[in-house]
């Protein structure tokens, strides 16, 4: 259960960071590729966390 709680917190942090970066991307005039790369990495992390949570729920 501790692992599941920690993963949920991590997922929330990743979602918040993704949202912030998406907002920054919309406002950015330069550095777009760095922001896009960071968003892609966060999206991958979010997918991994969701997969781990699903596996925990399914046993």
PDB file of N, CA and C in Angstrom:
ATOM      1  N   UNK A   1       0.805  -1.198   0.000  1.00  0.00           N
ATOM      2  CA  UNK A   1       0.000   0.000   0.000  1.00  0.00           C
ATOM      3  C   UNK A   1       0.856   1.273   0.000  1.00  0.00           C
ATOM      4  N   UNK A   2       1.972   1.218   0.712  1.00  0.00           N
ATOM      5  CA  UNK A   2       2.879   2.370   0.747  1.00  0.00           C
ATOM      6  C   UNK A   2       3.379   2.683  -0.659  1.00  0.00           C
ATOM      7  N   UNK A   3       3.742   1.644  -1.400  1.00  0.00           N
ATOM      8  CA  UNK A   3       4.227   1.849  -2.765  1.00  0.00           C
ATOM      9  C   UNK A   3       3.141   2.485  -3.620  1.00  0.00           C
ATOM     10  N   UNK A   4       1.926   2.018  -3.485  1.00  0.00           N
ATOM     11  CA  UNK A   4       0.824   2.574  -4.271  1.00  0.00           C
ATOM     12  C   UNK A   4       0.611   4.049  -3.925  1.00  0.00           C
ATOM     13  N   UNK A   5       0.675   4.385  -2.646  1.00  0.00           N
ATOM     14  CA  UNK A   5       0.505   5.786  -2.230  1.00  0.00           C
ATOM     15  C   UNK A   5       1.633   6.652  -2.782  1.00  0.00           C
ATOM     16  N   UNK A   6       2.844   6.130  -2.744  1.00  0.00           N
ATOM     17  CA  UNK A   6       3.983   6.886  -3.275  1.00  0.00           C
ATOM     18  C   UNK A   6       3.868   7.061  -4.779  1.00  0.00           C
ATOM     19  N   UNK A   7       3.413   6.021  -5.470  1.00  0.00           N
ATOM     20  CA  UNK A   7       3.238   6.131  -6.917  1.00  0.00           C
ATOM     21  C   UNK A   7       2.146   7.133  -7.268  1.00  0.00           C
ATOM     22  N   UNK A   8       1.078   7.160  -6.494  1.00  0.00           N
ATOM     23  CA  UNK A   8       0.008   8.129  -6.750  1.00  0.00           C
ATOM     24  C   UNK A   8       0.517   9.558  -6.549  1.00  0.00           C
ATOM     25  N   UNK A   9       1.323   9.767  -5.507  1.00  0.00           N
ATOM     26  CA  UNK A   9       1.915  11.098  -5.287  1.00  0.00           C
ATOM     27  C   UNK A   9       2.838  11.466  -6.431  1.00  0.00           C
ATOM     28  N   UNK A  10       3.624  10.500  -6.886  1.00  0.00           N
ATOM     29  CA  UNK A  10       4.538  10.750  -8.001  1.00  0.00           C
ATOM     30  C   UNK A  10       3.758  11.074  -9.263  1.00  0.00           C
ATOM     31  N   UNK A  11       2.674  10.365  -9.495  1.00  0.00           N
ATOM     32  CA  UNK A  11       1.838  10.624 -10.667  1.00  0.00           C
ATOM     33  C   UNK A  11       1.271  12.033 -10.598  1.00  0.00           C
ATOM     34  N   UNK A  12       0.810  12.435  -9.447  1.00  0.00           N
ATOM     35  CA  UNK A  12       0.271  13.780  -9.292  1.00  0.00           C
ATOM     36  C   UNK A  12       1.341  14.836  -9.580  1.00  0.00           C
ATOM     37  N   UNK A  13       2.538  14.613  -9.090  1.00  0.00           N
ATOM     38  CA  UNK A  13       3.632  15.556  -9.332  1.00  0.00           C
ATOM     39  C   UNK A  13       3.978  15.618 -10.817  1.00  0.00           C
ATOM     40  N   UNK A  14       3.981  14.466 -11.473  1.00  0.00           N
ATOM     41  CA  UNK A  14       4.272  14.430 -12.905  1.00  0.00           C
ATOM     42  C   UNK A  14       3.172  15.151 -13.682  1.00  0.00           C
ATOM     43  N   UNK A  15       1.923  14.918 -13.307  1.00  0.00           N
ATOM     44  CA  UNK A  15       0.806  15.594 -13.980  1.00  0.00           C
ATOM     45  C   UNK A  15       0.916  17.111 -13.819  1.00  0.00           C
ATOM     46  N   UNK A  16       1.240  17.568 -12.609  1.00  0.00           N
ATOM     47  CA  UNK A  16       1.403  19.006 -12.369  1.00  0.00           C
ATOM     48  C   UNK A  16       2.541  19.581 -13.198  1.00  0.00           C
ATOM     49  N   UNK A  17       3.657  18.876 -13.219  1.00  0.00           N
ATOM     50  CA  UNK A  17       4.811  19.347 -13.988  1.00  0.00           C
ATOM     51  C   UNK A  17       4.500  19.367 -15.481  1.00  0.00           C
ATOM     52  N   UNK A  18       3.797  18.340 -15.941  1.00  0.00           N
ATOM     53  CA  UNK A  18       3.418  18.291 -17.353  1.00  0.00           C
ATOM     54  C   UNK A  18       2.538  19.472 -17.710  1.00  0.00           C
ATOM     55  N   UNK A  19       1.578  19.765 -16.864  1.00  0.00           N
ATOM     56  CA  UNK A  19       0.681  20.885 -17.106  1.00  0.00           C
ATOM     57  C   UNK A  19       1.456  22.207 -17.139  1.00  0.00           C
ATOM     58  N   UNK A  20       2.361  22.385 -16.190  1.00  0.00           N
ATOM     59  CA  UNK A  20       3.167  23.608 -16.158  1.00  0.00           C
ATOM     60  C   UNK A  20       4.011  23.748 -17.419  1.00  0.00           C
ATOM     61  N   UNK A  21       4.604  22.656 -17.834  1.00  0.00           N
ATOM     62  CA  UNK A  21       5.433  22.707 -19.036  1.00  0.00           C
ATOM     63  C   UNK A  21       4.592  22.946 -20.284  1.00  0.00           C
ATOM     64  N   UNK A  22       3.415  22.382 -20.329  1.00  0.00           N
ATOM     65  CA  UNK A  22       2.544  22.629 -21.477  1.00  0.00           C
ATOM     66  C   UNK A  22       2.162  24.102 -21.540  1.00  0.00           C
ATOM     67  N   UNK A  23       1.889  24.699 -20.391  1.00  0.00           N
ATOM     68  CA  UNK A  23       1.591  26.136 -20.350  1.00  0.00           C
ATOM     69  C   UNK A  23       2.801  26.953 -20.799  1.00  0.00           C
ATOM     70  N   UNK A  24       3.981  26.565 -20.336  1.00  0.00           N
ATOM     71  CA  UNK A  24       5.205  27.266 -20.732  1.00  0.00           C
ATOM     72  C   UNK A  24       5.440  27.130 -22.228  1.00  0.00           C
ATOM     73  N   UNK A  25       5.153  25.959 -22.756  1.00  0.00           N
ATOM     74  CA  UNK A  25       5.340  25.737 -24.193  1.00  0.00           C
ATOM     75  C   UNK A  25       4.459  26.686 -24.990  1.00  0.00           C
ATOM     76  N   UNK A  26       3.237  26.883 -24.545  1.00  0.00           N
ATOM     77  CA  UNK A  26       2.333  27.785 -25.260  1.00  0.00           C
ATOM     78  C   UNK A  26       2.839  29.225 -25.233  1.00  0.00           C
ATOM     79  N   UNK A  27       3.534  29.577 -24.162  1.00  0.00           N
ATOM     80  CA  UNK A  27       4.008  30.959 -24.012  1.00  0.00           C
ATOM     81  C   UNK A  27       5.418  31.178 -24.554  1.00  0.00           C
ATOM     82  N   UNK A  28       6.120  30.097 -24.797  1.00  0.00           N
ATOM     83  CA  UNK A  28       7.538  30.211 -25.168  1.00  0.00           C
ATOM     84  C   UNK A  28       7.727  30.715 -26.592  1.00  0.00           C
ATOM     85  N   UNK A  29       8.674  31.626 -26.738  1.00  0.00           N
ATOM     86  CA  UNK A  29       9.060  32.090 -28.065  1.00  0.00           C
ATOM     87  C   UNK A  29      10.276  31.334 -28.566  1.00  0.00           C
ATOM     88  N   UNK A  30      11.118  30.895 -27.633  1.00  0.00           N
ATOM     89  CA  UNK A  30      12.319  30.149 -28.007  1.00  0.00           C
ATOM     90  C   UNK A  30      12.501  28.997 -27.033  1.00  0.00           C
ATOM     91  N   UNK A  31      13.400  28.118 -27.339  1.00  0.00           N
ATOM     92  CA  UNK A  31      13.647  26.969 -26.474  1.00  0.00           C
ATOM     93  C   UNK A  31      12.565  25.909 -26.576  1.00  0.00           C
ATOM     94  N   UNK A  32      11.774  25.991 -27.614  1.00  0.00           N
ATOM     95  CA  UNK A  32      10.641  25.070 -27.757  1.00  0.00           C
ATOM     96  C   UNK A  32      11.085  23.603 -27.758  1.00  0.00           C
ATOM     97  N   UNK A  33      12.188  23.285 -28.405  1.00  0.00           N
ATOM     98  CA  UNK A  33      12.597  21.875 -28.491  1.00  0.00           C
ATOM     99  C   UNK A  33      12.961  21.315 -27.117  1.00  0.00           C
ATOM    100  N   UNK A  34      13.584  22.131 -26.255  1.00  0.00           N
ATOM    101  CA  UNK A  34      13.906  21.671 -24.902  1.00  0.00           C
ATOM    102  C   UNK A  34      12.631  21.395 -24.105  1.00  0.00           C
ATOM    103  N   UNK A  35      11.671  22.271 -24.241  1.00  0.00           N
ATOM    104  CA  UNK A  35      10.400  22.100 -23.531  1.00  0.00           C
ATOM    105  C   UNK A  35       9.669  20.870 -24.058  1.00  0.00           C
ATOM    106  N   UNK A  36       9.628  20.715 -25.363  1.00  0.00           N
ATOM    107  CA  UNK A  36       8.971  19.544 -25.957  1.00  0.00           C
ATOM    108  C   UNK A  36       9.624  18.254 -25.485  1.00  0.00           C
ATOM    109  N   UNK A  37      10.937  18.234 -25.426  1.00  0.00           N
ATOM    110  CA  UNK A  37      11.664  17.047 -24.980  1.00  0.00           C
ATOM    111  C   UNK A  37      11.324  16.741 -23.515  1.00  0.00           C
ATOM    112  N   UNK A  38      11.282  17.761 -22.679  1.00  0.00           N
ATOM    113  CA  UNK A  38      10.948  17.562 -21.268  1.00  0.00           C
ATOM    114  C   UNK A  38       9.519  17.044 -21.113  1.00  0.00           C
ATOM    115  N   UNK A  39       8.602  17.584 -21.896  1.00  0.00           N
ATOM    116  CA  UNK A  39       7.213  17.121 -21.843  1.00  0.00           C
ATOM    117  C   UNK A  39       7.131  15.660 -22.264  1.00  0.00           C
ATOM    118  N   UNK A  40       7.839  15.293 -23.301  1.00  0.00           N
ATOM    119  CA  UNK A  40       7.834  13.895 -23.741  1.00  0.00           C
ATOM    120  C   UNK A  40       8.378  12.967 -22.658  1.00  0.00           C
ATOM    121  N   UNK A  41       9.435  13.395 -21.968  1.00  0.00           N
ATOM    122  CA  UNK A  41       9.993  12.584 -20.893  1.00  0.00           C
ATOM    123  C   UNK A  41       8.996  12.448 -19.743  1.00  0.00           C
ATOM    124  N   UNK A  42       8.305  13.533 -19.417  1.00  0.00           N
ATOM    125  CA  UNK A  42       7.300  13.462 -18.361  1.00  0.00           C
ATOM    126  C   UNK A  42       6.117  12.598 -18.774  1.00  0.00           C
ATOM    127  N   UNK A  43       5.714  12.689 -20.013  1.00  0.00           N
ATOM    128  CA  UNK A  43       4.639  11.827 -20.506  1.00  0.00           C
ATOM    129  C   UNK A  43       5.031  10.359 -20.377  1.00  0.00           C
ATOM    130  N   UNK A  44       6.288  10.043 -20.701  1.00  0.00           N
ATOM    131  CA  UNK A  44       6.766   8.663 -20.571  1.00  0.00           C
ATOM    132  C   UNK A  44       6.750   8.226 -19.103  1.00  0.00           C
ATOM    133  N   UNK A  45       7.176   9.114 -18.211  1.00  0.00           N
ATOM    134  CA  UNK A  45       7.174   8.794 -16.784  1.00  0.00           C
ATOM    135  C   UNK A  45       5.746   8.581 -16.286  1.00  0.00           C
ATOM    136  N   UNK A  46       4.837   9.433 -16.741  1.00  0.00           N
ATOM    137  CA  UNK A  46       3.432   9.293 -16.348  1.00  0.00           C
ATOM    138  C   UNK A  46       2.888   7.938 -16.809  1.00  0.00           C
ATOM    139  N   UNK A  47       3.209   7.543 -18.022  1.00  0.00           N
ATOM    140  CA  UNK A  47       2.764   6.253 -18.548  1.00  0.00           C
ATOM    141  C   UNK A  47       3.314   5.108 -17.703  1.00  0.00           C
ATOM    142  N   UNK A  48       4.588   5.194 -17.342  1.00  0.00           N
ATOM    143  CA  UNK A  48       5.205   4.146 -16.520  1.00  0.00           C
ATOM    144  C   UNK A  48       4.541   4.060 -15.149  1.00  0.00           C
ATOM    145  N   UNK A  49       4.253   5.209 -14.541  1.00  0.00           N
ATOM    146  CA  UNK A  49       3.609   5.221 -13.225  1.00  0.00           C
ATOM    147  C   UNK A  49       2.202   4.654 -13.320  1.00  0.00           C
ATOM    148  N   UNK A  50       1.461   5.055 -14.343  1.00  0.00           N
ATOM    149  CA  UNK A  50       0.105   4.515 -14.520  1.00  0.00           C
ATOM    150  C   UNK A  50       0.143   2.993 -14.706  1.00  0.00           C
ATOM    151  N   UNK A  51       1.110   2.502 -15.467  1.00  0.00           N
ATOM    152  CA  UNK A  51       1.253   1.062 -15.683  1.00  0.00           C
ATOM    153  C   UNK A  51       1.539   0.358 -14.356  1.00  0.00           C
ATOM    154  N   UNK A  52       2.437   0.931 -13.558  1.00  0.00           N
ATOM    155  CA  UNK A  52       2.772   0.331 -12.265  1.00  0.00           C
ATOM    156  C   UNK A  52       1.555   0.314 -11.342  1.00  0.00           C
ATOM    157  N   UNK A  53       0.797   1.398 -11.320  1.00  0.00           N
ATOM    158  CA  UNK A  53      -0.411   1.437 -10.498  1.00  0.00           C
ATOM    159  C   UNK A  53      -1.422   0.388 -10.951  1.00  0.00           C
ATOM    160  N   UNK A  54      -1.590   0.254 -12.251  1.00  0.00           N
ATOM    161  CA  UNK A  54      -2.525  -0.740 -12.792  1.00  0.00           C
ATOM    162  C   UNK A  54      -2.078  -2.150 -12.395  1.00  0.00           C
ATOM    163  N   UNK A  55      -0.778  -2.407 -12.479  1.00  0.00           N
ATOM    164  CA  UNK A  55      -0.265  -3.721 -12.096  1.00  0.00           C
ATOM    165  C   UNK A  55      -0.475  -3.981 -10.607  1.00  0.00           C
ATOM    166  N   UNK A  56      -0.307  -2.954  -9.778  1.00  0.00           N
ATOM    167  CA  UNK A  56      -0.543  -3.113  -8.347  1.00  0.00           C
ATOM    168  C   UNK A  56      -2.012  -3.428  -8.069  1.00  0.00           C
ATOM    169  N   UNK A  57      -2.898  -2.725  -8.753  1.00  0.00           N
ATOM    170  CA  UNK A  57      -4.331  -2.955  -8.547  1.00  0.00           C
ATOM    171  C   UNK A  57      -4.742  -4.350  -9.008  1.00  0.00           C
ATOM    172  N   UNK A  58      -4.140  -4.810 -10.084  1.00  0.00           N
ATOM    173  CA  UNK A  58      -4.512  -6.107 -10.647  1.00  0.00           C
ATOM    174  C   UNK A  58      -3.797  -7.276  -9.972  1.00  0.00           C
ATOM    175  N   UNK A  59      -2.848  -6.945  -9.123  1.00  0.00           N
ATOM    176  CA  UNK A  59      -2.135  -7.979  -8.368  1.00  0.00           C
ATOM    177  C   UNK A  59      -1.135  -8.660  -9.192  1.00  0.00           C
TER     178      UNK A  59
END
